[in-house]
Amino acid sequence: MKTKLTLTLDPALISKSKLYAKSQGSSLSNIVEEFLLRLTATENQFSEIKLTSGVKSLKGSVKVNDQDNFDHKQVLEDELTKKYIDF
């Protein structure tokens, strides 16, 4: 059984979101439900998500020796610093 949920959002965002859902042949409720399912999914469920060819081409391009201590935000910050500040 489904339960109704009330959200408070910007009216312009609601309009754009409804247009997007319609263009996808779906409802806004279904889009939000799918998003929340993916957001709360376990790691195994993420393997079911279809990846674009661009994302698939990146698989394996980075090797991480210590995945438990890998901080992707720090790596991104370091790389952006090198690119835009350190020249």
Foldseek 3Di string as FASTA:
>chain_A
DDDDDDDDDDPVVVVVLQVVQVVVVHGSVVVVVVVVCCVPDDPVVVVPDDDDPVVVVCPPVDDDDDVVPDDVVVVVVVVVCVVPPVD
